[in-house]
Amino acid sequence: MIRTLTLAAAMLAVSTTAWAAPTTKDGMLVDDKGMTLYIFDKDDMGKSNCDAACLANWPAAKPMAGEMVKGDLTIISRADGGMQWAWKGKPLYLWVKDTKPGDMTGDGVKGVWHVAKP
């Protein structure tokens, strides 16, 4: 039997990819591939308010099993049962329109998305 995924389900599947701990590069936080990480002004401290529709464009930066927290970098529990990297309590995300390391096209989107800076 062949199963097909809806676009939303396919995008959510992409958002479940786990990454090694974020690092700092050129004054911003990046994932292990050098992709820019973002924070969302509408998130609460230690809580993501980015739902399934939001995650289609802003995949959560999810830690790999066994990743360790350090300093201001923590791991929070998501309402969907998953885990997510956070910086100073603010959940971290990628932006689907960034195509290569160093892109920051999500900075300032709708006035509520910003590059995560240490």
PDB file of N, CA and C in Angstrom:
ATOM      1  N   MET A   1       0.844  -1.178   0.000  1.00  0.00           N
ATOM      2  CA  MET A   1       0.000   0.000   0.000  1.00  0.00           C
ATOM      3  C   MET A   1       0.889   1.241   0.000  1.00  0.00           C
ATOM      4  N   ILE A   2       0.609   2.162  -0.872  1.00  0.00           N
ATOM      5  CA  ILE A   2       1.375   3.408  -0.949  1.00  0.00           C
ATOM      6  C   ILE A   2       0.622   4.475  -0.178  1.00  0.00           C
ATOM      7  N   ARG A   3       1.336   5.130   0.727  1.00  0.00           N
ATOM      8  CA  ARG A   3       0.738   6.211   1.511  1.00  0.00           C
ATOM      9  C   ARG A   3       1.242   7.539   0.990  1.00  0.00           C
ATOM     10  N   THR A   4       0.372   8.498   0.905  1.00  0.00           N
ATOM     11  CA  THR A   4       0.786   9.838   0.511  1.00  0.00           C
ATOM     12  C   THR A   4       0.554  10.769   1.690  1.00  0.00           C
ATOM     13  N   LEU A   5       1.382  11.759   1.785  1.00  0.00           N
ATOM     14  CA  LEU A   5       1.263  12.749   2.850  1.00  0.00           C
ATOM     15  C   LEU A   5       0.687  14.031   2.296  1.00  0.00           C
ATOM     16  N   THR A   6      -0.127  14.688   3.064  1.00  0.00           N
ATOM     17  CA  THR A   6      -0.573  16.013   2.681  1.00  0.00           C
ATOM     18  C   THR A   6       0.629  16.944   2.783  1.00  0.00           C
ATOM     19  N   LEU A   7       0.553  18.098   2.156  1.00  0.00           N
ATOM     20  CA  LEU A   7       1.647  19.056   2.235  1.00  0.00           C
ATOM     21  C   LEU A   7       1.929  19.428   3.681  1.00  0.00           C
ATOM     22  N   ALA A   8       0.881  19.656   4.458  1.00  0.00           N
ATOM     23  CA  ALA A   8       1.076  20.025   5.870  1.00  0.00           C
ATOM     24  C   ALA A   8       1.780  18.908   6.622  1.00  0.00           C
ATOM     25  N   ALA A   9       1.392  17.656   6.380  1.00  0.00           N
ATOM     26  CA  ALA A   9       2.033  16.530   7.058  1.00  0.00           C
ATOM     27  C   ALA A   9       3.487  16.394   6.626  1.00  0.00           C
ATOM     28  N   ALA A  10       3.750  16.608   5.348  1.00  0.00           N
ATOM     29  CA  ALA A  10       5.121  16.528   4.859  1.00  0.00           C
ATOM     30  C   ALA A  10       5.981  17.614   5.491  1.00  0.00           C
ATOM     31  N   MET A  11       5.432  18.829   5.603  1.00  0.00           N
ATOM     32  CA  MET A  11       6.193  19.923   6.212  1.00  0.00           C
ATOM     33  C   MET A  11       6.431  19.649   7.689  1.00  0.00           C
ATOM     34  N   LEU A  12       5.443  19.083   8.379  1.00  0.00           N
ATOM     35  CA  LEU A  12       5.615  18.757   9.785  1.00  0.00           C
ATOM     36  C   LEU A  12       6.679  17.687   9.948  1.00  0.00           C
ATOM     37  N   ALA A  13       6.723  16.723   9.017  1.00  0.00           N
ATOM     38  CA  ALA A  13       7.749  15.687   9.076  1.00  0.00           C
ATOM     39  C   ALA A  13       9.133  16.319   8.968  1.00  0.00           C
ATOM     40  N   VAL A  14       9.279  17.333   8.110  1.00  0.00           N
ATOM     41  CA  VAL A  14      10.560  18.029   7.985  1.00  0.00           C
ATOM     42  C   VAL A  14      10.926  18.693   9.305  1.00  0.00           C
ATOM     43  N   SER A  15       9.931  19.214  10.009  1.00  0.00           N
ATOM     44  CA  SER A  15      10.202  19.950  11.236  1.00  0.00           C
ATOM     45  C   SER A  15      10.625  19.054  12.391  1.00  0.00           C
ATOM     46  N   THR A  16      10.538  17.747  12.212  1.00  0.00           N
ATOM     47  CA  THR A  16      10.906  16.856  13.303  1.00  0.00           C
ATOM     48  C   THR A  16      12.376  16.443  13.239  1.00  0.00           C
ATOM     49  N   THR A  17      13.109  16.955  12.283  1.00  0.00           N
ATOM     50  CA  THR A  17      14.523  16.651  12.188  1.00  0.00           C
ATOM     51  C   THR A  17      15.257  17.169  13.417  1.00  0.00           C
ATOM     52  N   ALA A  18      16.138  16.356  13.955  1.00  0.00           N
ATOM     53  CA  ALA A  18      16.897  16.756  15.145  1.00  0.00           C
ATOM     54  C   ALA A  18      18.261  17.296  14.746  1.00  0.00           C
ATOM     55  N   TRP A  19      18.750  18.249  15.509  1.00  0.00           N
ATOM     56  CA  TRP A  19      20.041  18.865  15.243  1.00  0.00           C
ATOM     57  C   TRP A  19      20.932  18.795  16.470  1.00  0.00           C
ATOM     58  N   ALA A  20      22.219  18.840  16.212  1.00  0.00           N
ATOM     59  CA  ALA A  20      23.179  18.974  17.303  1.00  0.00           C
ATOM     60  C   ALA A  20      22.996  20.366  17.910  1.00  0.00           C
ATOM     61  N   ALA A  21      23.579  20.573  19.043  1.00  0.00           N
ATOM     62  CA  ALA A  21      23.433  21.840  19.760  1.00  0.00           C
ATOM     63  C   ALA A  21      23.791  23.038  18.882  1.00  0.00           C
ATOM     64  N   PRO A  22      22.966  24.095  18.947  1.00  0.00           N
ATOM     65  CA  PRO A  22      23.281  25.325  18.217  1.00  0.00           C
ATOM     66  C   PRO A  22      24.620  25.907  18.665  1.00  0.00           C
ATOM     67  N   THR A  23      25.235  26.639  17.757  1.00  0.00           N
ATOM     68  CA  THR A  23      26.498  27.312  18.045  1.00  0.00           C
ATOM     69  C   THR A  23      26.393  28.766  17.597  1.00  0.00           C
ATOM     70  N   THR A  24      27.433  29.537  17.869  1.00  0.00           N
ATOM     71  CA  THR A  24      27.461  30.938  17.471  1.00  0.00           C
ATOM     72  C   THR A  24      28.380  31.105  16.259  1.00  0.00           C
ATOM     73  N   LYS A  25      27.895  31.859  15.284  1.00  0.00           N
ATOM     74  CA  LYS A  25      28.700  32.186  14.107  1.00  0.00           C
ATOM     75  C   LYS A  25      28.299  33.577  13.632  1.00  0.00           C
ATOM     76  N   ASP A  26      29.275  34.420  13.407  1.00  0.00           N
ATOM     77  CA  ASP A  26      29.031  35.785  12.922  1.00  0.00           C
ATOM     78  C   ASP A  26      28.003  36.536  13.770  1.00  0.00           C
ATOM     79  N   GLY A  27      28.037  36.326  15.087  1.00  0.00           N
ATOM     80  CA  GLY A  27      27.181  37.059  16.008  1.00  0.00           C
ATOM     81  C   GLY A  27      25.748  36.574  16.099  1.00  0.00           C
ATOM     82  N   MET A  28      25.477  35.373  15.572  1.00  0.00           N
ATOM     83  CA  MET A  28      24.122  34.831  15.667  1.00  0.00           C
ATOM     84  C   MET A  28      24.190  33.345  15.982  1.00  0.00           C
ATOM     85  N   LEU A  29      23.062  32.794  16.422  1.00  0.00           N
ATOM     86  CA  LEU A  29      22.999  31.361  16.680  1.00  0.00           C
ATOM     87  C   LEU A  29      22.664  30.640  15.387  1.00  0.00           C
ATOM     88  N   VAL A  30      23.337  29.515  15.166  1.00  0.00           N
ATOM     89  CA  VAL A  30      23.115  28.701  13.968  1.00  0.00           C
ATOM     90  C   VAL A  30      23.006  27.236  14.362  1.00  0.00           C
ATOM     91  N   ASP A  31      22.388  26.452  13.469  1.00  0.00           N
ATOM     92  CA  ASP A  31      22.307  25.015  13.714  1.00  0.00           C
ATOM     93  C   ASP A  31      23.612  24.357  13.269  1.00  0.00           C
ATOM     94  N   ASP A  32      23.669  23.036  13.324  1.00  0.00           N
ATOM     95  CA  ASP A  32      24.906  22.331  12.994  1.00  0.00           C
ATOM     96  C   ASP A  32      25.256  22.392  11.507  1.00  0.00           C
ATOM     97  N   LYS A  33      24.359  22.911  10.665  1.00  0.00           N
ATOM     98  CA  LYS A  33      24.634  23.089   9.236  1.00  0.00           C
ATOM     99  C   LYS A  33      24.951  24.545   8.908  1.00  0.00           C
ATOM    100  N   GLY A  34      24.987  25.395   9.936  1.00  0.00           N
ATOM    101  CA  GLY A  34      25.279  26.808   9.739  1.00  0.00           C
ATOM    102  C   GLY A  34      24.061  27.648   9.387  1.00  0.00           C
ATOM    103  N   MET A  35      22.860  27.047   9.494  1.00  0.00           N
ATOM    104  CA  MET A  35      21.636  27.783   9.164  1.00  0.00           C
ATOM    105  C   MET A  35      21.214  28.655  10.352  1.00  0.00           C
ATOM    106  N   THR A  36      20.773  29.858  10.045  1.00  0.00           N
ATOM    107  CA  THR A  36      20.369  30.835  11.048  1.00  0.00           C
ATOM    108  C   THR A  36      19.191  30.331  11.880  1.00  0.00           C
ATOM    109  N   LEU A  37      19.254  30.587  13.176  1.00  0.00           N
ATOM    110  CA  LEU A  37      18.161  30.263  14.085  1.00  0.00           C
ATOM    111  C   LEU A  37      17.447  31.547  14.495  1.00  0.00           C
ATOM    112  N   TYR A  38      16.146  31.425  14.745  1.00  0.00           N
ATOM    113  CA  TYR A  38      15.290  32.571  15.026  1.00  0.00           C
ATOM    114  C   TYR A  38      14.513  32.380  16.329  1.00  0.00           C
ATOM    115  N   ILE A  39      14.082  33.515  16.891  1.00  0.00           N
ATOM    116  CA  ILE A  39      13.160  33.511  18.028  1.00  0.00           C
ATOM    117  C   ILE A  39      11.866  34.197  17.582  1.00  0.00           C
ATOM    118  N   PHE A  40      10.771  33.859  18.266  1.00  0.00           N
ATOM    119  CA  PHE A  40       9.425  34.331  17.951  1.00  0.00           C
ATOM    120  C   PHE A  40       8.926  35.157  19.133  1.00  0.00           C
ATOM    121  N   ASP A  41       8.625  36.434  18.905  1.00  0.00           N
ATOM    122  CA  ASP A  41       8.193  37.321  19.989  1.00  0.00           C
ATOM    123  C   ASP A  41       6.947  36.827  20.718  1.00  0.00           C
ATOM    124  N   LYS A  42       6.107  36.041  20.050  1.00  0.00           N
ATOM    125  CA  LYS A  42       4.856  35.589  20.668  1.00  0.00           C
ATOM    126  C   LYS A  42       5.030  34.344  21.535  1.00  0.00           C
ATOM    127  N   ASP A  43       6.253  33.810  21.609  1.00  0.00           N
ATOM    128  CA  ASP A  43       6.525  32.688  22.509  1.00  0.00           C
ATOM    129  C   ASP A  43       6.634  33.191  23.939  1.00  0.00           C
ATOM    130  N   ASP A  44       6.252  32.351  24.871  1.00  0.00           N
ATOM    131  CA  ASP A  44       6.462  32.628  26.282  1.00  0.00           C
ATOM    132  C   ASP A  44       7.810  32.038  26.681  1.00  0.00           C
ATOM    133  N   MET A  45       8.329  32.454  27.814  1.00  0.00           N
ATOM    134  CA  MET A  45       9.578  31.882  28.295  1.00  0.00           C
ATOM    135  C   MET A  45       9.365  30.392  28.543  1.00  0.00           C
ATOM    136  N   GLY A  46      10.177  29.582  27.889  1.00  0.00           N
ATOM    137  CA  GLY A  46      10.115  28.140  28.077  1.00  0.00           C
ATOM    138  C   GLY A  46       8.937  27.459  27.409  1.00  0.00           C
ATOM    139  N   LYS A  47       8.210  28.191  26.531  1.00  0.00           N
ATOM    140  CA  LYS A  47       7.028  27.611  25.888  1.00  0.00           C
ATOM    141  C   LYS A  47       6.887  28.129  24.462  1.00  0.00           C
ATOM    142  N   SER A  48       6.749  27.188  23.516  1.00  0.00           N
ATOM    143  CA  SER A  48       6.526  27.556  22.125  1.00  0.00           C
ATOM    144  C   SER A  48       5.047  27.805  21.882  1.00  0.00           C
ATOM    145  N   ASN A  49       4.738  28.895  21.202  1.00  0.00           N
ATOM    146  CA  ASN A  49       3.375  29.190  20.778  1.00  0.00           C
ATOM    147  C   ASN A  49       3.247  29.074  19.265  1.00  0.00           C
ATOM    148  N   CYS A  50       4.199  28.405  18.646  1.00  0.00           N
ATOM    149  CA  CYS A  50       4.202  28.162  17.199  1.00  0.00           C
ATOM    150  C   CYS A  50       3.541  26.799  16.984  1.00  0.00           C
ATOM    151  N   ASP A  51       2.304  26.804  16.413  1.00  0.00           N
ATOM    152  CA  ASP A  51       1.539  25.570  16.229  1.00  0.00           C
ATOM    153  C   ASP A  51       1.889  24.892  14.903  1.00  0.00           C
ATOM    154  N   ALA A  52       1.133  23.866  14.541  1.00  0.00           N
ATOM    155  CA  ALA A  52       1.425  23.074  13.342  1.00  0.00           C
ATOM    156  C   ALA A  52       1.508  23.934  12.077  1.00  0.00           C
ATOM    157  N   ALA A  53       0.571  24.865  11.884  1.00  0.00           N
ATOM    158  CA  ALA A  53       0.602  25.727  10.704  1.00  0.00           C
ATOM    159  C   ALA A  53       1.850  26.601  10.710  1.00  0.00           C
ATOM    160  N   CYS A  54       2.196  27.127  11.859  1.00  0.00           N
ATOM    161  CA  CYS A  54       3.398  27.958  12.023  1.00  0.00           C
ATOM    162  C   CYS A  54       4.655  27.132  11.751  1.00  0.00           C
ATOM    163  N   LEU A  55       4.677  25.903  12.269  1.00  0.00           N
ATOM    164  CA  LEU A  55       5.858  25.043  12.119  1.00  0.00           C
ATOM    165  C   LEU A  55       6.142  24.675  10.669  1.00  0.00           C
ATOM    166  N   ALA A  56       5.145  24.796   9.794  1.00  0.00           N
ATOM    167  CA  ALA A  56       5.361  24.523   8.377  1.00  0.00           C
ATOM    168  C   ALA A  56       6.377  25.498   7.790  1.00  0.00           C
ATOM    169  N   ASN A  57       6.406  26.726   8.309  1.00  0.00           N
ATOM    170  CA  ASN A  57       7.353  27.736   7.837  1.00  0.00           C
ATOM    171  C   ASN A  57       8.528  27.938   8.784  1.00  0.00           C
ATOM    172  N   TRP A  58       8.319  27.634  10.043  1.00  0.00           N
ATOM    173  CA  TRP A  58       9.310  27.862  11.087  1.00  0.00           C
ATOM    174  C   TRP A  58       9.569  26.556  11.846  1.00  0.00           C
ATOM    175  N   PRO A  59      10.297  25.609  11.240  1.00  0.00           N
ATOM    176  CA  PRO A  59      10.554  24.329  11.918  1.00  0.00           C
ATOM    177  C   PRO A  59      11.283  24.528  13.249  1.00  0.00           C
ATOM    178  N   ALA A  60      10.816  23.818  14.254  1.00  0.00           N
ATOM    179  CA  ALA A  60      11.452  23.871  15.574  1.00  0.00           C
ATOM    180  C   ALA A  60      12.833  23.235  15.513  1.00  0.00           C
ATOM    181  N   ALA A  61      13.782  23.855  16.175  1.00  0.00           N
ATOM    182  CA  ALA A  61      15.133  23.285  16.290  1.00  0.00           C
ATOM    183  C   ALA A  61      15.078  22.235  17.393  1.00  0.00           C
ATOM    184  N   LYS A  62      15.052  20.974  16.993  1.00  0.00           N
ATOM    185  CA  LYS A  62      14.873  19.888  17.951  1.00  0.00           C
ATOM    186  C   LYS A  62      16.210  19.208  18.246  1.00  0.00           C
ATOM    187  N   PRO A  63      16.485  18.958  19.510  1.00  0.00           N
ATOM    188  CA  PRO A  63      17.758  18.325  19.885  1.00  0.00           C
ATOM    189  C   PRO A  63      17.776  16.834  19.548  1.00  0.00           C
ATOM    190  N   MET A  64      18.966  16.337  19.281  1.00  0.00           N
ATOM    191  CA  MET A  64      19.157  14.904  19.095  1.00  0.00           C
ATOM    192  C   MET A  64      19.160  14.246  20.472  1.00  0.00           C
ATOM    193  N   ALA A  65      18.854  12.974  20.504  1.00  0.00           N
ATOM    194  CA  ALA A  65      18.865  12.228  21.767  1.00  0.00           C
ATOM    195  C   ALA A  65      20.237  12.354  22.414  1.00  0.00           C
ATOM    196  N   GLY A  66      20.257  12.600  23.698  1.00  0.00           N
ATOM    197  CA  GLY A  66      21.505  12.668  24.437  1.00  0.00           C
ATOM    198  C   GLY A  66      22.198  14.019  24.424  1.00  0.00           C
ATOM    199  N   GLU A  67      21.634  15.007  23.695  1.00  0.00           N
ATOM    200  CA  GLU A  67      22.255  16.333  23.677  1.00  0.00           C
ATOM    201  C   GLU A  67      22.221  16.936  25.073  1.00  0.00           C
ATOM    202  N   MET A  68      23.251  17.654  25.404  1.00  0.00           N
ATOM    203  CA  MET A  68      23.374  18.256  26.732  1.00  0.00           C
ATOM    204  C   MET A  68      23.165  19.762  26.641  1.00  0.00           C
ATOM    205  N   VAL A  69      22.534  20.307  27.654  1.00  0.00           N
ATOM    206  CA  VAL A  69      22.343  21.754  27.730  1.00  0.00           C
ATOM    207  C   VAL A  69      23.602  22.383  28.319  1.00  0.00           C
ATOM    208  N   LYS A  70      23.807  23.648  27.982  1.00  0.00           N
ATOM    209  CA  LYS A  70      24.964  24.362  28.533  1.00  0.00           C
ATOM    210  C   LYS A  70      24.679  25.854  28.545  1.00  0.00           C
ATOM    211  N   GLY A  71      24.964  26.470  29.663  1.00  0.00           N
ATOM    212  CA  GLY A  71      24.784  27.912  29.792  1.00  0.00           C
ATOM    213  C   GLY A  71      23.372  28.352  29.500  1.00  0.00           C
ATOM    214  N   ASP A  72      23.239  29.312  28.582  1.00  0.00           N
ATOM    215  CA  ASP A  72      21.928  29.863  28.230  1.00  0.00           C
ATOM    216  C   ASP A  72      21.168  28.989  27.239  1.00  0.00           C
ATOM    217  N   LEU A  73      21.797  27.916  26.748  1.00  0.00           N
ATOM    218  CA  LEU A  73      21.175  26.997  25.813  1.00  0.00           C
ATOM    219  C   LEU A  73      20.492  25.874  26.595  1.00  0.00           C
ATOM    220  N   THR A  74      19.168  25.768  26.444  1.00  0.00           N
ATOM    221  CA  THR A  74      18.397  24.766  27.175  1.00  0.00           C
ATOM    222  C   THR A  74      17.516  23.980  26.207  1.00  0.00           C
ATOM    223  N   ILE A  75      16.846  22.981  26.726  1.00  0.00           N
ATOM    224  CA  ILE A  75      15.889  22.195  25.955  1.00  0.00           C
ATOM    225  C   ILE A  75      14.543  22.301  26.670  1.00  0.00           C
ATOM    226  N   ILE A  76      13.499  22.660  25.914  1.00  0.00           N
ATOM    227  CA  ILE A  76      12.155  22.766  26.488  1.00  0.00           C
ATOM    228  C   ILE A  76      11.267  21.651  25.937  1.00  0.00           C
ATOM    229  N   SER A  77      10.192  21.374  26.636  1.00  0.00           N
ATOM    230  CA  SER A  77       9.185  20.420  26.174  1.00  0.00           C
ATOM    231  C   SER A  77       8.116  21.186  25.409  1.00  0.00           C
ATOM    232  N   ARG A  78       7.749  20.675  24.231  1.00  0.00           N
ATOM    233  CA  ARG A  78       6.701  21.284  23.412  1.00  0.00           C
ATOM    234  C   ARG A  78       5.339  20.689  23.779  1.00  0.00           C
ATOM    235  N   ALA A  79       4.270  21.407  23.496  1.00  0.00           N
ATOM    236  CA  ALA A  79       2.919  20.929  23.765  1.00  0.00           C
ATOM    237  C   ALA A  79       2.605  19.652  22.982  1.00  0.00           C
ATOM    238  N   ASP A  80       3.270  19.465  21.823  1.00  0.00           N
ATOM    239  CA  ASP A  80       3.033  18.266  21.017  1.00  0.00           C
ATOM    240  C   ASP A  80       3.835  17.062  21.513  1.00  0.00           C
ATOM    241  N   GLY A  81       4.527  17.227  22.638  1.00  0.00           N
ATOM    242  CA  GLY A  81       5.294  16.134  23.221  1.00  0.00           C
ATOM    243  C   GLY A  81       6.749  16.095  22.793  1.00  0.00           C
ATOM    244  N   GLY A  82       7.120  16.908  21.815  1.00  0.00           N
ATOM    245  CA  GLY A  82       8.502  16.949  21.354  1.00  0.00           C
ATOM    246  C   GLY A  82       9.362  17.855  22.221  1.00  0.00           C
ATOM    247  N   MET A  83      10.637  17.884  21.895  1.00  0.00           N
ATOM    248  CA  MET A  83      11.597  18.730  22.594  1.00  0.00           C
ATOM    249  C   MET A  83      12.110  19.779  21.613  1.00  0.00           C
ATOM    250  N   GLN A  84      12.596  20.906  22.150  1.00  0.00           N
ATOM    251  CA  GLN A  84      13.071  21.990  21.297  1.00  0.00           C
ATOM    252  C   GLN A  84      14.190  22.747  21.997  1.00  0.00           C
ATOM    253  N   TRP A  85      15.198  23.145  21.204  1.00  0.00           N
ATOM    254  CA  TRP A  85      16.255  23.989  21.740  1.00  0.00           C
ATOM    255  C   TRP A  85      15.678  25.354  22.094  1.00  0.00           C
ATOM    256  N   ALA A  86      16.229  25.976  23.130  1.00  0.00           N
ATOM    257  CA  ALA A  86      15.833  27.338  23.521  1.00  0.00           C
ATOM    258  C   ALA A  86      17.088  28.100  23.940  1.00  0.00           C
ATOM    259  N   TRP A  87      17.070  29.403  23.722  1.00  0.00           N
ATOM    260  CA  TRP A  87      18.161  30.291  24.123  1.00  0.00           C
ATOM    261  C   TRP A  87      17.587  31.274  25.135  1.00  0.00           C
ATOM    262  N   LYS A  88      18.125  31.252  26.346  1.00  0.00           N
ATOM    263  CA  LYS A  88      17.621  32.094  27.434  1.00  0.00           C
ATOM    264  C   LYS A  88      16.105  31.932  27.580  1.00  0.00           C
ATOM    265  N   GLY A  89      15.635  30.695  27.429  1.00  0.00           N
ATOM    266  CA  GLY A  89      14.226  30.386  27.599  1.00  0.00           C
ATOM    267  C   GLY A  89      13.358  30.585  26.375  1.00  0.00           C
ATOM    268  N   LYS A  90      13.896  31.197  25.312  1.00  0.00           N
ATOM    269  CA  LYS A  90      13.118  31.437  24.099  1.00  0.00           C
ATOM    270  C   LYS A  90      13.364  30.304  23.095  1.00  0.00           C
ATOM    271  N   PRO A  91      12.289  29.606  22.658  1.00  0.00           N
ATOM    272  CA  PRO A  91      12.429  28.517  21.692  1.00  0.00           C
ATOM    273  C   PRO A  91      13.110  28.988  20.401  1.00  0.00           C
ATOM    274  N   LEU A  92      13.862  28.090  19.783  1.00  0.00           N
ATOM    275  CA  LEU A  92      14.604  28.393  18.554  1.00  0.00           C
ATOM    276  C   LEU A  92      13.987  27.690  17.348  1.00  0.00           C
ATOM    277  N   TYR A  93      14.017  28.382  16.205  1.00  0.00           N
ATOM    278  CA  TYR A  93      13.413  27.894  14.967  1.00  0.00           C
ATOM    279  C   TYR A  93      14.324  28.163  13.774  1.00  0.00           C
ATOM    280  N   LEU A  94      14.087  27.421  12.710  1.00  0.00           N
ATOM    281  CA  LEU A  94      14.666  27.698  11.396  1.00  0.00           C
ATOM    282  C   LEU A  94      13.586  28.382  10.559  1.00  0.00           C
ATOM    283  N   TRP A  95      13.952  28.924   9.418  1.00  0.00           N
ATOM    284  CA  TRP A  95      13.012  29.570   8.493  1.00  0.00           C
ATOM    285  C   TRP A  95      13.149  28.863   7.156  1.00  0.00           C
ATOM    286  N   VAL A  96      12.047  28.347   6.607  1.00  0.00           N
ATOM    287  CA  VAL A  96      12.112  27.539   5.390  1.00  0.00           C
ATOM    288  C   VAL A  96      12.616  28.301   4.172  1.00  0.00           C
ATOM    289  N   LYS A  97      12.553  29.615   4.187  1.00  0.00           N
ATOM    290  CA  LYS A  97      13.012  30.385   3.025  1.00  0.00           C
ATOM    291  C   LYS A  97      14.515  30.662   3.044  1.00  0.00           C
ATOM    292  N   ASP A  98      15.181  30.352   4.146  1.00  0.00           N
ATOM    293  CA  ASP A  98      16.650  30.421   4.150  1.00  0.00           C
ATOM    294  C   ASP A  98      17.139  29.177   3.405  1.00  0.00           C
ATOM    295  N   THR A  99      17.961  29.394   2.380  1.00  0.00           N
ATOM    296  CA  THR A  99      18.389  28.260   1.553  1.00  0.00           C
ATOM    297  C   THR A  99      19.838  27.856   1.742  1.00  0.00           C
ATOM    298  N   LYS A 100      20.636  28.751   2.327  1.00  0.00           N
ATOM    299  CA  LYS A 100      22.047  28.405   2.525  1.00  0.00           C
ATOM    300  C   LYS A 100      22.544  29.010   3.831  1.00  0.00           C
ATOM    301  N   PRO A 101      23.634  28.449   4.377  1.00  0.00           N
ATOM    302  CA  PRO A 101      24.191  29.000   5.614  1.00  0.00           C
ATOM    303  C   PRO A 101      24.446  30.501   5.470  1.00  0.00           C
ATOM    304  N   GLY A 102      24.097  31.237   6.510  1.00  0.00           N
ATOM    305  CA  GLY A 102      24.298  32.678   6.501  1.00  0.00           C
ATOM    306  C   GLY A 102      23.078  33.469   6.063  1.00  0.00           C
ATOM    307  N   ASP A 103      22.118  32.817   5.379  1.00  0.00           N
ATOM    308  CA  ASP A 103      20.876  33.517   5.015  1.00  0.00           C
ATOM    309  C   ASP A 103      20.168  33.961   6.291  1.00  0.00           C
ATOM    310  N   MET A 104      19.567  35.140   6.250  1.00  0.00           N
ATOM    311  CA  MET A 104      18.813  35.675   7.391  1.00  0.00           C
ATOM    312  C   MET A 104      17.508  36.286   6.901  1.00  0.00           C
ATOM    313  N   THR A 105      16.882  35.650   5.906  1.00  0.00           N
ATOM    314  CA  THR A 105      15.686  36.231   5.283  1.00  0.00           C
ATOM    315  C   THR A 105      14.471  36.247   6.210  1.00  0.00           C
ATOM    316  N   GLY A 106      14.533  35.518   7.330  1.00  0.00           N
ATOM    317  CA  GLY A 106      13.423  35.507   8.267  1.00  0.00           C
ATOM    318  C   GLY A 106      13.468  36.635   9.281  1.00  0.00           C
ATOM    319  N   ASP A 107      14.588  37.364   9.334  1.00  0.00           N
ATOM    320  CA  ASP A 107      14.724  38.423  10.329  1.00  0.00           C
ATOM    321  C   ASP A 107      13.723  39.537  10.060  1.00  0.00           C
ATOM    322  N   GLY A 108      12.841  39.778  11.030  1.00  0.00           N
ATOM    323  CA  GLY A 108      11.859  40.847  10.915  1.00  0.00           C
ATOM    324  C   GLY A 108      10.542  40.441  10.279  1.00  0.00           C
ATOM    325  N   VAL A 109      10.371  39.164   9.897  1.00  0.00           N
ATOM    326  CA  VAL A 109       9.115  38.745   9.281  1.00  0.00           C
ATOM    327  C   VAL A 109       7.945  39.073  10.220  1.00  0.00           C
ATOM    328  N   LYS A 110       6.960  39.773   9.672  1.00  0.00           N
ATOM    329  CA  LYS A 110       5.751  40.209  10.396  1.00  0.00           C
ATOM    330  C   LYS A 110       6.071  40.945  11.700  1.00  0.00           C
ATOM    331  N   GLY A 111       7.303  41.415  11.830  1.00  0.00           N
ATOM    332  CA  GLY A 111       7.711  42.164  13.007  1.00  0.00           C
ATOM    333  C   GLY A 111       7.848  41.342  14.275  1.00  0.00           C
ATOM    334  N   VAL A 112       7.724  40.003  14.167  1.00  0.00           N
ATOM    335  CA  VAL A 112       7.754  39.158  15.365  1.00  0.00           C
ATOM    336  C   VAL A 112       8.810  38.048  15.310  1.00  0.00           C
ATOM    337  N   TRP A 113       9.515  37.920  14.201  1.00  0.00           N
ATOM    338  CA  TRP A 113      10.571  36.901  14.068  1.00  0.00           C
ATOM    339  C   TRP A 113      11.913  37.612  13.978  1.00  0.00           C
ATOM    340  N   HIS A 114      12.899  37.130  14.748  1.00  0.00           N
ATOM    341  CA  HIS A 114      14.199  37.792  14.801  1.00  0.00           C
ATOM    342  C   HIS A 114      15.330  36.768  14.868  1.00  0.00           C
ATOM    343  N   VAL A 115      16.450  37.138  14.288  1.00  0.00           N
ATOM    344  CA  VAL A 115      17.643  36.309  14.390  1.00  0.00           C
ATOM    345  C   VAL A 115      17.977  36.158  15.876  1.00  0.00           C
ATOM    346  N   ALA A 116      18.274  34.941  16.276  1.00  0.00           N
ATOM    347  CA  ALA A 116      18.669  34.680  17.667  1.00  0.00           C
ATOM    348  C   ALA A 116      20.142  35.063  17.822  1.00  0.00           C
ATOM    349  N   LYS A 117      20.407  35.964  18.749  1.00  0.00           N
ATOM    350  CA  LYS A 117      21.776  36.444  18.977  1.00  0.00           C
ATOM    351  C   LYS A 117      22.166  36.181  20.433  1.00  0.00           C
ATOM    352  N   PRO A 118      23.380  35.715  20.631  1.00  0.00           N
ATOM    353  CA  PRO A 118      23.828  35.464  22.009  1.00  0.00           C
ATOM    354  C   PRO A 118      24.062  36.765  22.756  1.00  0.00           C
TER     355      PRO A 118
END
